[in-house]
Protein backbone atom coordinates (compact mmCIF):
# COMPACT_ATOMS: atom_id res chain seq x y z
CA MET A 1 0.00 0.00 0.00
CA ASP A 2 1.16 3.56 -0.73
CA ALA A 3 3.26 5.09 2.09
CA ASN A 4 1.08 8.22 1.91
CA ALA A 5 -2.15 6.22 2.18
CA LYS A 6 -4.56 7.22 4.92
CA TRP A 7 -5.71 3.61 5.55
CA ILE A 8 -3.95 0.35 6.40
CA GLU A 9 -5.29 -3.11 5.52
CA LYS A 10 -5.15 -5.76 8.26
CA ASN A 11 -6.69 -9.18 7.64
CA GLY A 12 -9.06 -7.87 4.99
CA THR A 13 -10.30 -4.90 7.06
CA LEU A 14 -9.20 -1.34 6.34
CA PHE A 15 -8.19 0.71 9.38
CA PRO A 16 -7.44 4.44 9.27
CA LYS A 17 -4.02 5.77 10.15
CA ILE A 18 -4.44 7.79 13.31
CA LYS A 19 -3.17 11.08 14.55
CA LYS A 20 -2.40 11.49 18.22
CA ALA A 21 -4.24 14.22 20.14
CA GLY A 22 -2.40 17.23 21.50
CA ALA A 23 -0.57 17.53 24.81
CA ALA A 24 -3.57 18.72 26.86
CA ALA A 25 -5.90 15.92 25.77
CA ILE A 26 -4.79 12.46 24.76
CA SER A 27 -6.51 9.94 22.50
CA TYR A 28 -6.56 7.09 25.01
CA LYS A 29 -5.65 6.27 28.61
CA LEU A 30 -4.93 2.93 30.24
CA ALA A 31 -6.19 2.81 33.83
CA GLY A 32 -5.47 -0.56 35.41
CA ASP A 33 -7.16 -3.16 33.22
CA LEU A 34 -9.40 -0.64 31.47
CA LEU A 35 -8.54 1.29 28.33
CA PHE A 36 -10.50 4.49 27.70
CA VAL A 37 -10.54 5.73 24.11
CA GLY A 38 -11.67 9.35 23.78
CA GLY A 39 -14.17 10.81 21.36
CA THR A 40 -13.27 9.89 17.81
CA ALA A 41 -14.79 11.30 14.63
CA PRO A 42 -15.09 9.45 11.30
CA ARG A 43 -12.69 10.05 8.43
CA ASP A 44 -13.08 8.82 4.87
CA LYS A 45 -10.43 6.93 2.86
CA ASP A 46 -8.78 10.24 1.94
CA GLY A 47 -8.53 11.24 5.60
CA ARG A 48 -11.26 13.88 5.33
CA LEU A 49 -13.67 14.34 8.20
CA VAL A 50 -17.13 12.94 7.44
CA SER A 51 -19.37 15.84 8.38
CA GLY A 52 -22.98 16.91 8.24
CA ARG A 53 -26.22 16.36 10.06
CA VAL A 54 -27.85 12.96 9.75
CA GLY A 55 -31.44 13.45 8.66
CA GLY A 56 -30.32 16.69 6.99
CA GLU A 57 -27.30 16.63 4.70
CA LEU A 58 -26.72 12.91 5.36
CA THR A 59 -29.06 9.93 5.10
CA THR A 60 -29.42 7.33 7.82
CA GLU A 61 -27.27 4.97 5.74
CA GLU A 62 -24.54 7.62 5.35
CA GLY A 63 -24.69 8.20 9.11
CA TYR A 64 -24.34 4.46 9.68
CA MET A 65 -21.23 4.37 7.49
CA ALA A 66 -19.80 7.41 9.31
CA ALA A 67 -20.30 5.72 12.69
CA ARG A 68 -18.71 2.55 11.27
CA LEU A 69 -15.66 4.57 10.20
CA ALA A 70 -15.46 6.02 13.71
CA GLY A 71 -15.56 2.45 15.07
CA LEU A 72 -12.62 1.42 12.90
CA ALA A 73 -10.72 4.52 14.04
CA VAL A 74 -11.42 3.68 17.69
CA LEU A 75 -10.12 0.14 17.11
CA THR A 76 -6.97 1.65 15.60
CA TYR A 77 -6.41 3.58 18.84
CA VAL A 78 -7.03 0.40 20.83
CA LYS A 79 -4.39 -1.43 18.77
CA ASP A 80 -1.99 1.49 19.17
CA ALA A 81 -2.47 1.50 22.94
CA LEU A 82 -2.23 -2.26 23.48
CA GLY A 83 0.01 -3.33 20.60
CA SER A 84 -2.54 -5.90 19.43
CA LEU A 85 -6.31 -6.29 19.33
CA ASP A 86 -5.73 -9.77 20.80
CA LYS A 87 -5.22 -8.04 24.16
CA VAL A 88 -8.87 -6.96 24.21
CA GLU A 89 -10.75 -9.12 26.72
CA TYR A 90 -14.03 -7.45 25.74
CA CYS A 91 -15.57 -4.09 25.04
CA VAL A 92 -17.39 -2.64 28.04
CA LYS A 93 -19.20 0.56 27.09
CA ALA A 94 -19.50 2.80 24.06
CA THR A 95 -20.95 6.24 23.57
CA VAL A 96 -22.16 7.34 20.14
CA LEU A 97 -23.09 10.98 19.59
CA VAL A 98 -24.87 11.54 16.29
CA ASN A 99 -24.96 14.98 14.70
CA SER A 100 -28.66 14.93 13.87
CA ALA A 101 -31.34 17.13 12.42
CA PRO A 102 -33.95 18.23 15.00
CA ASP A 103 -36.61 15.75 13.85
CA PHE A 104 -34.25 12.81 13.17
CA SER A 105 -35.26 9.75 15.21
CA GLU A 106 -33.14 6.88 13.84
CA ILE A 107 -30.19 7.44 16.19
CA GLU A 108 -29.94 3.72 17.03
CA LYS A 109 -29.66 2.76 13.33
CA VAL A 110 -26.73 5.15 12.92
CA ALA A 111 -25.09 3.97 16.16
CA ASP A 112 -25.32 0.39 14.88
CA GLY A 113 -22.56 1.29 12.41
CA PHE A 114 -20.15 1.78 15.31
CA SER A 115 -21.28 -1.38 17.11
CA ASP A 116 -21.21 -3.46 13.95
CA ALA A 117 -17.60 -2.43 13.26
CA LEU A 118 -16.56 -3.61 16.72
CA THR A 119 -18.28 -6.99 16.44
CA GLU A 120 -17.08 -7.52 12.84
CA VAL A 121 -13.47 -7.11 13.96
CA LEU A 122 -13.56 -8.52 17.50
CA GLY A 123 -16.42 -11.02 17.31
CA GLU A 124 -18.10 -11.68 20.67
CA ARG A 125 -15.43 -9.57 22.41
CA GLY A 126 -16.80 -6.56 20.52
CA LYS A 127 -20.27 -6.71 22.12
CA HIS A 128 -20.79 -3.82 24.52
CA VAL A 129 -23.23 -1.68 26.44
CA ARG A 130 -24.00 1.43 24.42
CA TYR A 131 -25.36 4.90 24.99
CA ALA A 132 -26.41 6.66 21.78
CA THR A 133 -27.99 10.06 21.45
CA GLY A 134 -28.52 12.83 18.95
CA ALA A 135 -26.64 16.10 19.26
CA SER A 136 -27.58 19.46 17.80
CA ALA A 137 -23.91 20.21 17.03
CA LEU A 138 -20.61 18.34 17.16
CA GLU A 139 -17.04 19.57 16.86
CA ARG A 140 -16.19 20.58 13.26
CA ASN A 141 -19.69 19.42 12.26
CA ALA A 142 -18.58 15.75 12.48
CA ALA A 143 -21.37 13.31 11.55
CA ALA A 144 -20.70 11.33 14.74
CA ILE A 145 -18.26 11.17 17.62
CA CYS A 146 -17.73 7.88 19.43
CA ASP A 147 -15.77 6.64 22.43
CA LEU A 148 -15.15 3.25 24.01
CA ILE A 149 -14.07 1.56 27.23
CA VAL A 150 -12.24 -1.76 26.82
CA LYS A 151 -11.35 -4.46 29.38
CA VAL A 152 -7.73 -5.49 28.77
CA ARG A 153 -6.58 -9.11 29.13
CA ASP A 154 -4.11 -9.90 31.91
């Protein structure tokens, strides 16, 4: 794959290359046997932020794909933090914030994109408790922002 590519293929799944957060806020934090991955927005294959309101500029299906991209990005942070996704015992809790139009009510369908990415890559270990809600505005107009708590294997 091209050295300038924004995505990396691992076992048939494409994962985005990640950028670390700044000094004041970090992308993830290991606390004992729990890994906390901070809010992560979706980026397309060219590294561009997927933005817009679901139910407005974006369809439910486009929102689903955006949340799925955020899920793959979160898994990339998990791999960066732990060295391998094999060190994931299981996913504990996820939060999915969906940038949604005022009358949009299919938040769960969009959030399924994030959850589906986790279970596609991790299998049963990817199943998690989830909180999903609509937001009237997200940073840089991101379509979704997602975070995750992971139990790390001993």
